[in-house]
Amino acid sequence: MNRIPTQQQVERLRKNYPVGTRVVLHSMDDPYAPVPPGTKGTVTYVDDMGQIGVNWDNGSGLNVIYGIDRVRKVVD
């Protein structure tokens, strides 16, 4: 499976997750990730590979990887 997003997918991610958007982690495919499911964070950027940069509330700065990790917007 090709996990490299198209330019249109990256633009859609940028539209759906603008800087400042609050998200909550559903899953991260990394056994050593210091971000457990349910952790909230704030989006800082979306790069050209579709990685969503997040400042997690637990202090981590791990990115969300397109097509692998799952987050959703926090609805206040």
C-alpha atoms as a PDB file:
ATOM      1  CA  MET A   1       0.000   0.000   0.000  1.00  0.00           C
ATOM      2  CA  ASN A   2       1.349   3.417  -0.973  1.00  0.00           C
ATOM      3  CA  ARG A   3       1.112   5.695   2.056  1.00  0.00           C
ATOM      4  CA  ILE A   4       2.470   8.788   0.330  1.00  0.00           C
ATOM      5  CA  PRO A   5      -0.444  11.212   0.067  1.00  0.00           C
ATOM      6  CA  THR A   6      -1.282  13.100  -3.093  1.00  0.00           C
ATOM      7  CA  GLN A   7      -1.054  16.887  -3.117  1.00  0.00           C
ATOM      8  CA  GLN A   8      -4.867  16.995  -2.948  1.00  0.00           C
ATOM      9  CA  GLN A   9      -4.860  14.795   0.167  1.00  0.00           C
ATOM     10  CA  VAL A  10      -2.241  17.034   1.807  1.00  0.00           C
ATOM     11  CA  GLU A  11      -4.320  20.131   1.038  1.00  0.00           C
ATOM     12  CA  ARG A  12      -7.406  18.429   2.475  1.00  0.00           C
ATOM     13  CA  LEU A  13      -5.455  17.610   5.661  1.00  0.00           C
ATOM     14  CA  ARG A  14      -4.307  21.242   5.910  1.00  0.00           C
ATOM     15  CA  LYS A  15      -7.896  22.416   5.515  1.00  0.00           C
ATOM     16  CA  ASN A  16      -9.249  19.921   8.062  1.00  0.00           C
ATOM     17  CA  TYR A  17      -6.411  20.349  10.593  1.00  0.00           C
ATOM     18  CA  PRO A  18      -5.308  23.996  10.508  1.00  0.00           C
ATOM     19  CA  VAL A  19      -2.713  25.233  12.993  1.00  0.00           C
ATOM     20  CA  GLY A  20      -4.301  25.508  16.429  1.00  0.00           C
ATOM     21  CA  THR A  21      -6.797  22.662  15.937  1.00  0.00           C
ATOM     22  CA  ARG A  22      -7.224  20.510  19.018  1.00  0.00           C
ATOM     23  CA  VAL A  23      -7.029  16.757  18.373  1.00  0.00           C
ATOM     24  CA  VAL A  24      -7.206  13.558  20.379  1.00  0.00           C
ATOM     25  CA  LEU A  25      -5.145  10.489  19.527  1.00  0.00           C
ATOM     26  CA  HIS A  26      -7.066   7.359  18.618  1.00  0.00           C
ATOM     27  CA  SER A  27      -4.071   5.189  17.711  1.00  0.00           C
ATOM     28  CA  MET A  28      -0.365   5.479  16.922  1.00  0.00           C
ATOM     29  CA  ASP A  29       1.449   2.589  15.255  1.00  0.00           C
ATOM     30  CA  ASP A  30       4.652   2.871  17.272  1.00  0.00           C
ATOM     31  CA  PRO A  31       5.285   0.498  20.199  1.00  0.00           C
ATOM     32  CA  TYR A  32       7.698   3.032  21.715  1.00  0.00           C
ATOM     33  CA  ALA A  33       5.453   6.065  21.282  1.00  0.00           C
ATOM     34  CA  PRO A  34       5.108   8.111  24.445  1.00  0.00           C
ATOM     35  CA  VAL A  35       1.638   9.217  23.356  1.00  0.00           C
ATOM     36  CA  PRO A  36      -1.090   6.912  24.655  1.00  0.00           C
ATOM     37  CA  PRO A  37      -4.551   6.789  23.047  1.00  0.00           C
ATOM     38  CA  GLY A  38      -6.840   9.479  24.419  1.00  0.00           C
ATOM     39  CA  THR A  39      -4.056  12.075  24.701  1.00  0.00           C
ATOM     40  CA  LYS A  40      -5.046  15.516  23.433  1.00  0.00           C
ATOM     41  CA  GLY A  41      -2.821  17.973  21.621  1.00  0.00           C
ATOM     42  CA  THR A  42      -2.655  21.034  19.384  1.00  0.00           C
ATOM     43  CA  VAL A  43      -1.789  20.946  15.668  1.00  0.00           C
ATOM     44  CA  THR A  44       1.311  23.004  14.802  1.00  0.00           C
ATOM     45  CA  TYR A  45       1.607  22.221  11.053  1.00  0.00           C
ATOM     46  CA  VAL A  46       0.900  19.751   8.250  1.00  0.00           C
ATOM     47  CA  ASP A  47       3.981  19.017   6.126  1.00  0.00           C
ATOM     48  CA  ASP A  48       4.211  18.050   2.442  1.00  0.00           C
ATOM     49  CA  MET A  49       4.153  14.335   3.332  1.00  0.00           C
ATOM     50  CA  GLY A  50       0.875  14.728   5.227  1.00  0.00           C
ATOM     51  CA  GLN A  51       2.439  14.399   8.661  1.00  0.00           C
ATOM     52  CA  ILE A  52       0.497  16.387  11.223  1.00  0.00           C
ATOM     53  CA  GLY A  53       2.769  18.083  13.741  1.00  0.00           C
ATOM     54  CA  VAL A  54       1.196  18.039  17.196  1.00  0.00           C
ATOM     55  CA  ASN A  55       2.266  19.453  20.538  1.00  0.00           C
ATOM     56  CA  TRP A  56       0.772  16.788  22.779  1.00  0.00           C
ATOM     57  CA  ASP A  57      -0.501  17.766  26.222  1.00  0.00           C
ATOM     58  CA  ASN A  58       1.840  15.174  27.771  1.00  0.00           C
ATOM     59  CA  GLY A  59       4.876  17.092  26.425  1.00  0.00           C
ATOM     60  CA  SER A  60       5.600  14.898  23.412  1.00  0.00           C
ATOM     61  CA  GLY A  61       6.087  16.371  19.956  1.00  0.00           C
ATOM     62  CA  LEU A  62       5.595  13.209  17.880  1.00  0.00           C
ATOM     63  CA  ASN A  63       3.949  13.687  14.484  1.00  0.00           C
ATOM     64  CA  VAL A  64       0.835  11.902  13.340  1.00  0.00           C
ATOM     65  CA  ILE A  65       1.813   9.872  10.257  1.00  0.00           C
ATOM     66  CA  TYR A  66      -0.586   9.948   7.300  1.00  0.00           C
ATOM     67  CA  GLY A  67      -2.249   6.603   6.636  1.00  0.00           C
ATOM     68  CA  ILE A  68      -0.856   4.967   9.776  1.00  0.00           C
ATOM     69  CA  ASP A  69      -1.798   6.927  12.910  1.00  0.00           C
ATOM     70  CA  ARG A  70      -5.310   8.141  13.699  1.00  0.00           C
ATOM     71  CA  VAL A  71      -6.524  11.317  15.346  1.00  0.00           C
ATOM     72  CA  ARG A  72      -9.797  13.179  15.418  1.00  0.00           C
ATOM     73  CA  LYS A  73     -10.720  16.759  16.163  1.00  0.00           C
ATOM     74  CA  VAL A  74     -11.727  17.592  19.707  1.00  0.00           C
ATOM     75  CA  VAL A  75     -15.274  18.889  19.805  1.00  0.00           C
ATOM     76  CA  ASP A  76     -15.738  21.310  22.680  1.00  0.00           C
END
